[in-house]
PDB file of N, CA and C in Angstrom:
ATOM      1  N   ILE A   1       0.865  -1.300  -0.072  1.00  0.00           N
ATOM      2  CA  ILE A   1       0.019  -0.084  -0.111  1.00  0.00           C
ATOM      3  C   ILE A   1       0.722   1.446  -0.111  1.00  0.00           C
ATOM      4  N   ASN A   2       2.055   1.370   0.805  1.00  0.00           N
ATOM      5  CA  ASN A   2       2.747   2.154   0.603  1.00  0.00           C
ATOM      6  C   ASN A   2       3.583   2.864  -0.237  1.00  0.00           C
ATOM      7  N   SER A   3       3.890   1.353  -0.951  1.00  0.00           N
ATOM      8  CA  SER A   3       4.363   1.849  -2.566  1.00  0.00           C
ATOM      9  C   SER A   3       3.774   2.146  -3.700  1.00  0.00           C
ATOM     10  N   LYS A   4       2.471   2.325  -3.361  1.00  0.00           N
ATOM     11  CA  LYS A   4       1.540   2.724  -4.552  1.00  0.00           C
ATOM     12  C   LYS A   4       0.665   3.936  -4.330  1.00  0.00           C
ATOM     13  N   PRO A   5       1.402   5.117  -5.013  1.00  0.00           N
ATOM     14  CA  PRO A   5       0.526   6.297  -4.653  1.00  0.00           C
ATOM     15  C   PRO A   5      -0.889   6.439  -4.774  1.00  0.00           C
ATOM     16  N   ASN A   6      -1.516   6.039  -5.480  1.00  0.00           N
ATOM     17  CA  ASN A   6      -2.956   5.673  -6.256  1.00  0.00           C
ATOM     18  C   ASN A   6      -3.816   5.548  -5.077  1.00  0.00           C
ATOM     19  N   LEU A   7      -3.045   4.429  -4.446  1.00  0.00           N
ATOM     20  CA  LEU A   7      -4.198   3.304  -3.816  1.00  0.00           C
ATOM     21  C   LEU A   7      -4.630   4.345  -2.310  1.00  0.00           C
ATOM     22  N   LEU A   8      -3.664   4.706  -1.654  1.00  0.00           N
ATOM     23  CA  LEU A   8      -4.134   5.298  -0.653  1.00  0.00           C
ATOM     24  C   LEU A   8      -3.380   6.770  -0.531  1.00  0.00           C
ATOM     25  N   PRO A   9      -3.642   7.950  -1.162  1.00  0.00           N
ATOM     26  CA  PRO A   9      -2.865   8.932  -1.614  1.00  0.00           C
ATOM     27  C   PRO A   9      -2.373   9.726  -0.506  1.00  0.00           C
ATOM     28  N   GLY A  10      -1.488   9.933   0.160  1.00  0.00           N
ATOM     29  CA  GLY A  10      -1.138  11.013   1.180  1.00  0.00           C
ATOM     30  C   GLY A  10      -1.394  10.173   2.602  1.00  0.00           C
ATOM     31  N   ILE A  11      -1.317   8.704   2.347  1.00  0.00           N
ATOM     32  CA  ILE A  11      -1.414   8.001   4.147  1.00  0.00           C
ATOM     33  C   ILE A  11      -0.606   7.137   3.864  1.00  0.00           C
ATOM     34  N   THR A  12       0.297   6.797   5.175  1.00  0.00           N
ATOM     35  CA  THR A  12       1.544   5.610   4.815  1.00  0.00           C
ATOM     36  C   THR A  12       1.069   4.611   6.257  1.00  0.00           C
ATOM     37  N   LEU A  13       1.206   3.473   5.802  1.00  0.00           N
ATOM     38  CA  LEU A  13       0.769   2.865   6.906  1.00  0.00           C
ATOM     39  C   LEU A  13       1.828   2.075   7.497  1.00  0.00           C
ATOM     40  N   GLY A  14       1.930   1.851   8.774  1.00  0.00           N
ATOM     41  CA  GLY A  14       2.751   0.974   9.593  1.00  0.00           C
ATOM     42  C   GLY A  14       2.438   0.571  10.549  1.00  0.00           C
ATOM     43  N   PHE A  15       3.431  -0.319  11.365  1.00  0.00           N
ATOM     44  CA  PHE A  15       3.088  -1.156  12.938  1.00  0.00           C
ATOM     45  C   PHE A  15       3.772  -1.131  13.969  1.00  0.00           C
ATOM     46  N   GLU A  16       3.577  -1.598  14.715  1.00  0.00           N
ATOM     47  CA  GLU A  16       4.565  -1.311  15.967  1.00  0.00           C
ATOM     48  C   GLU A  16       3.819  -2.673  16.755  1.00  0.00           C
ATOM     49  N   SER A  17       4.709  -3.268  17.497  1.00  0.00           N
ATOM     50  CA  SER A  17       4.498  -4.552  18.065  1.00  0.00           C
ATOM     51  C   SER A  17       4.892  -4.724  19.699  1.00  0.00           C
ATOM     52  N   TYR A  18       4.209  -4.877  20.460  1.00  0.00           N
ATOM     53  CA  TYR A  18       4.444  -4.940  22.118  1.00  0.00           C
ATOM     54  C   TYR A  18       4.048  -5.606  22.552  1.00  0.00           C
ATOM     55  N   ASP A  19       4.778  -6.727  23.235  1.00  0.00           N
ATOM     56  CA  ASP A  19       4.433  -7.653  24.338  1.00  0.00           C
ATOM     57  C   ASP A  19       4.993  -7.485  25.817  1.00  0.00           C
ATOM     58  N   THR A  20       3.816  -7.265  26.654  1.00  0.00           N
ATOM     59  CA  THR A  20       3.328  -6.371  28.086  1.00  0.00           C
ATOM     60  C   THR A  20       3.989  -7.606  28.904  1.00  0.00           C
ATOM     61  N   CYS A  21       3.453  -8.968  28.583  1.00  0.00           N
ATOM     62  CA  CYS A  21       3.872  -9.988  29.454  1.00  0.00           C
ATOM     63  C   CYS A  21       2.866  -9.925  30.530  1.00  0.00           C
ATOM     64  N   MET A  22       1.822  -8.838  30.534  1.00  0.00           N
ATOM     65  CA  MET A  22       0.490  -9.068  31.292  1.00  0.00           C
ATOM     66  C   MET A  22       1.269  -8.432  33.077  1.00  0.00           C
ATOM     67  N   GLN A  23       1.980  -7.629  32.717  1.00  0.00           N
ATOM     68  CA  GLN A  23       2.874  -6.657  33.848  1.00  0.00           C
ATOM     69  C   GLN A  23       2.327  -5.776  33.878  1.00  0.00           C
ATOM     70  N   PRO A  24       1.508  -4.880  34.689  1.00  0.00           N
ATOM     71  CA  PRO A  24       1.444  -3.650  34.593  1.00  0.00           C
ATOM     72  C   PRO A  24       2.435  -2.390  34.629  1.00  0.00           C
ATOM     73  N   ALA A  25       3.412  -2.646  35.023  1.00  0.00           N
ATOM     74  CA  ALA A  25       4.875  -1.824  34.986  1.00  0.00           C
ATOM     75  C   ALA A  25       5.348  -1.883  33.615  1.00  0.00           C
ATOM     76  N   VAL A  26       4.987  -3.154  33.060  1.00  0.00           N
ATOM     77  CA  VAL A  26       5.591  -2.998  31.763  1.00  0.00           C
ATOM     78  C   VAL A  26       4.975  -2.363  30.665  1.00  0.00           C
ATOM     79  N   VAL A  27       3.409  -2.273  30.874  1.00  0.00           N
ATOM     80  CA  VAL A  27       2.364  -1.957  30.032  1.00  0.00           C
ATOM     81  C   VAL A  27       2.301  -0.205  29.937  1.00  0.00           C
ATOM     82  N   MET A  28       2.565   0.107  31.231  1.00  0.00           N
ATOM     83  CA  MET A  28       2.481   1.848  30.822  1.00  0.00           C
ATOM     84  C   MET A  28       3.437   2.469  30.021  1.00  0.00           C
ATOM     85  N   ARG A  29       4.321   2.248  29.518  1.00  0.00           N
ATOM     86  CA  ARG A  29       5.134   3.152  28.773  1.00  0.00           C
ATOM     87  C   ARG A  29       4.967   2.892  27.632  1.00  0.00           C
ATOM     88  N   PRO A  30       4.453   1.671  26.725  1.00  0.00           N
ATOM     89  CA  PRO A  30       4.126   1.867  25.409  1.00  0.00           C
ATOM     90  C   PRO A  30       2.625   2.427  25.179  1.00  0.00           C
ATOM     91  N   VAL A  31       1.516   2.222  26.609  1.00  0.00           N
ATOM     92  CA  VAL A  31       0.457   3.051  26.303  1.00  0.00           C
ATOM     93  C   VAL A  31       0.286   4.114  26.464  1.00  0.00           C
ATOM     94  N   LEU A  32       1.719   4.864  27.095  1.00  0.00           N
ATOM     95  CA  LEU A  32       1.506   6.183  27.203  1.00  0.00           C
ATOM     96  C   LEU A  32       1.867   6.910  25.649  1.00  0.00           C
ATOM     97  N   GLN A  33       3.116   5.835  25.171  1.00  0.00           N
ATOM     98  CA  GLN A  33       3.555   6.500  23.950  1.00  0.00           C
ATOM     99  C   GLN A  33       2.708   6.459  22.740  1.00  0.00           C
ATOM    100  N   LEU A  34       1.635   5.596  22.901  1.00  0.00           N
ATOM    101  CA  LEU A  34       0.481   5.448  22.318  1.00  0.00           C
ATOM    102  C   LEU A  34      -0.179   6.587  21.736  1.00  0.00           C
ATOM    103  N   LEU A  35      -0.536   7.228  23.393  1.00  0.00           N
ATOM    104  CA  LEU A  35      -1.105   8.624  23.356  1.00  0.00           C
ATOM    105  C   LEU A  35      -0.469   9.692  23.187  1.00  0.00           C
ATOM    106  N   THR A  36       0.858   9.710  22.879  1.00  0.00           N
ATOM    107  CA  THR A  36       1.531  10.865  22.285  1.00  0.00           C
ATOM    108  C   THR A  36       0.999  11.773  20.967  1.00  0.00           C
ATOM    109  N   ARG A  37       1.389  12.957  21.104  1.00  0.00           N
ATOM    110  CA  ARG A  37       0.771  13.667  19.631  1.00  0.00           C
ATOM    111  C   ARG A  37       1.868  13.047  18.470  1.00  0.00           C
ATOM    112  N   GLU A  38       1.151  13.185  17.525  1.00  0.00           N
ATOM    113  CA  GLU A  38       1.915  12.700  15.903  1.00  0.00           C
ATOM    114  C   GLU A  38       3.392  13.836  16.154  1.00  0.00           C
ATOM    115  N   SER A  39       4.492  12.913  15.861  1.00  0.00           N
ATOM    116  CA  SER A  39       5.633  13.566  15.876  1.00  0.00           C
ATOM    117  C   SER A  39       5.908  13.986  16.783  1.00  0.00           C
ATOM    118  N   THR A  40       5.968  13.762  17.980  1.00  0.00           N
ATOM    119  CA  THR A  40       6.315  14.117  19.475  1.00  0.00           C
ATOM    120  C   THR A  40       6.579  12.752  20.574  1.00  0.00           C
ATOM    121  N   GLU A  41       7.199  13.286  21.569  1.00  0.00           N
ATOM    122  CA  GLU A  41       7.170  12.233  22.435  1.00  0.00           C
ATOM    123  C   GLU A  41       6.389  12.592  23.776  1.00  0.00           C
ATOM    124  N   GLU A  42       5.720  13.933  23.330  1.00  0.00           N
ATOM    125  CA  GLU A  42       5.078  14.573  24.407  1.00  0.00           C
ATOM    126  C   GLU A  42       3.540  14.229  24.827  1.00  0.00           C
ATOM    127  N   LEU A  43       2.793  14.014  26.063  1.00  0.00           N
ATOM    128  CA  LEU A  43       1.677  13.546  26.280  1.00  0.00           C
ATOM    129  C   LEU A  43       1.038  14.862  26.523  1.00  0.00           C
ATOM    130  N   ASP A  44      -0.109  15.460  25.829  1.00  0.00           N
ATOM    131  CA  ASP A  44      -0.320  16.963  26.306  1.00  0.00           C
ATOM    132  C   ASP A  44      -1.828  16.226  27.147  1.00  0.00           C
ATOM    133  N   VAL A  45      -1.719  17.469  28.449  1.00  0.00           N
ATOM    134  CA  VAL A  45      -3.326  17.150  29.256  1.00  0.00           C
ATOM    135  C   VAL A  45      -3.656  18.483  28.551  1.00  0.00           C
ATOM    136  N   ALA A  46      -5.097  18.338  28.050  1.00  0.00           N
ATOM    137  CA  ALA A  46      -6.027  19.610  27.582  1.00  0.00           C
ATOM    138  C   ALA A  46      -7.379  19.619  27.983  1.00  0.00           C
ATOM    139  N   CYS A  47      -8.077  20.452  28.019  1.00  0.00           N
ATOM    140  CA  CYS A  47      -9.714  19.993  28.076  1.00  0.00           C
ATOM    141  C   CYS A  47     -10.414  19.826  26.863  1.00  0.00           C
ATOM    142  N   ASN A  48      -9.693  19.995  26.245  1.00  0.00           N
ATOM    143  CA  ASN A  48     -10.257  20.034  24.761  1.00  0.00           C
ATOM    144  C   ASN A  48      -9.234  19.055  23.644  1.00  0.00           C
ATOM    145  N   TYR A  49      -9.915  17.961  23.216  1.00  0.00           N
ATOM    146  CA  TYR A  49      -9.047  17.082  22.528  1.00  0.00           C
ATOM    147  C   TYR A  49      -9.643  17.189  20.908  1.00  0.00           C
ATOM    148  N   THR A  50     -10.662  17.993  20.749  1.00  0.00           N
ATOM    149  CA  THR A  50     -11.040  18.183  19.441  1.00  0.00           C
ATOM    150  C   THR A  50     -10.050  17.895  18.251  1.00  0.00           C
ATOM    151  N   ASP A  51      -8.985  18.707  18.112  1.00  0.00           N
ATOM    152  CA  ASP A  51      -8.117  18.778  17.259  1.00  0.00           C
ATOM    153  C   ASP A  51      -6.683  17.979  17.329  1.00  0.00           C
ATOM    154  N   TYR A  52      -7.024  17.063  18.241  1.00  0.00           N
ATOM    155  CA  TYR A  52      -5.598  16.218  18.829  1.00  0.00           C
ATOM    156  C   TYR A  52      -5.166  15.170  17.921  1.00  0.00           C
ATOM    157  N   LYS A  53      -4.165  15.222  17.401  1.00  0.00           N
ATOM    158  CA  LYS A  53      -3.999  13.667  16.568  1.00  0.00           C
ATOM    159  C   LYS A  53      -3.190  13.078  17.334  1.00  0.00           C
ATOM    160  N   PRO A  54      -3.188  12.084  17.473  1.00  0.00           N
ATOM    161  CA  PRO A  54      -2.380  11.207  18.192  1.00  0.00           C
ATOM    162  C   PRO A  54      -1.695  10.099  17.360  1.00  0.00           C
ATOM    163  N   ARG A  55      -0.640   9.597  17.758  1.00  0.00           N
ATOM    164  CA  ARG A  55       0.681   8.871  16.833  1.00  0.00           C
ATOM    165  C   ARG A  55      -0.442   7.828  15.985  1.00  0.00           C
ATOM    166  N   VAL A  56      -1.659   7.091  17.008  1.00  0.00           N
ATOM    167  CA  VAL A  56      -2.094   5.875  16.281  1.00  0.00           C
ATOM    168  C   VAL A  56      -3.571   6.122  16.139  1.00  0.00           C
ATOM    169  N   ILE A  57      -4.055   5.679  15.181  1.00  0.00           N
ATOM    170  CA  ILE A  57      -5.504   5.708  14.992  1.00  0.00           C
ATOM    171  C   ILE A  57      -6.249   4.334  15.353  1.00  0.00           C
ATOM    172  N   ALA A  58      -5.778   3.394  15.295  1.00  0.00           N
ATOM    173  CA  ALA A  58      -6.586   1.778  16.049  1.00  0.00           C
ATOM    174  C   ALA A  58      -5.425   1.144  16.314  1.00  0.00           C
ATOM    175  N   ILE A  59      -5.833   0.132  17.163  1.00  0.00           N
ATOM    176  CA  ILE A  59      -4.993  -0.971  18.080  1.00  0.00           C
ATOM    177  C   ILE A  59      -5.585  -1.963  17.813  1.00  0.00           C
ATOM    178  N   ILE A  60      -5.162  -2.778  17.619  1.00  0.00           N
ATOM    179  CA  ILE A  60      -5.861  -4.418  17.294  1.00  0.00           C
ATOM    180  C   ILE A  60      -4.937  -5.370  17.790  1.00  0.00           C
ATOM    181  N   GLY A  61      -6.008  -6.383  18.606  1.00  0.00           N
ATOM    182  CA  GLY A  61      -5.191  -7.518  19.274  1.00  0.00           C
ATOM    183  C   GLY A  61      -5.787  -8.008  20.307  1.00  0.00           C
ATOM    184  N   PRO A  62      -5.739  -8.651  20.797  1.00  0.00           N
ATOM    185  CA  PRO A  62      -5.950  -9.487  21.857  1.00  0.00           C
ATOM    186  C   PRO A  62      -6.717  -8.720  23.163  1.00  0.00           C
ATOM    187  N   ASN A  63      -7.595  -9.059  24.096  1.00  0.00           N
ATOM    188  CA  ASN A  63      -7.629  -8.242  25.370  1.00  0.00           C
ATOM    189  C   ASN A  63      -6.545  -8.770  26.609  1.00  0.00           C
ATOM    190  N   ASN A  64      -5.790  -9.699  26.359  1.00  0.00           N
ATOM    191  CA  ASN A  64      -4.401 -10.020  27.159  1.00  0.00           C
ATOM    192  C   ASN A  64      -3.286 -10.399  26.099  1.00  0.00           C
ATOM    193  N   SER A  65      -2.003 -10.397  26.426  1.00  0.00           N
ATOM    194  CA  SER A  65      -0.869 -10.732  26.359  1.00  0.00           C
ATOM    195  C   SER A  65      -0.743 -12.156  26.180  1.00  0.00           C
TER     196      SER A  65
END
């Protein structure tokens, strides 16, 4: 998809894989990183998230590790 400019113009697809081993201390870092704004490592705290653009749009996987 990424190599065919006519299929989804202006969109790049990718993935990140995490295994948290069901440990709360291990899961916090990736979760907070997924919530950061696009192109940054900062997690904003705001009252209005209407224009907020997170690093990810969807998460696919089981409810456990």
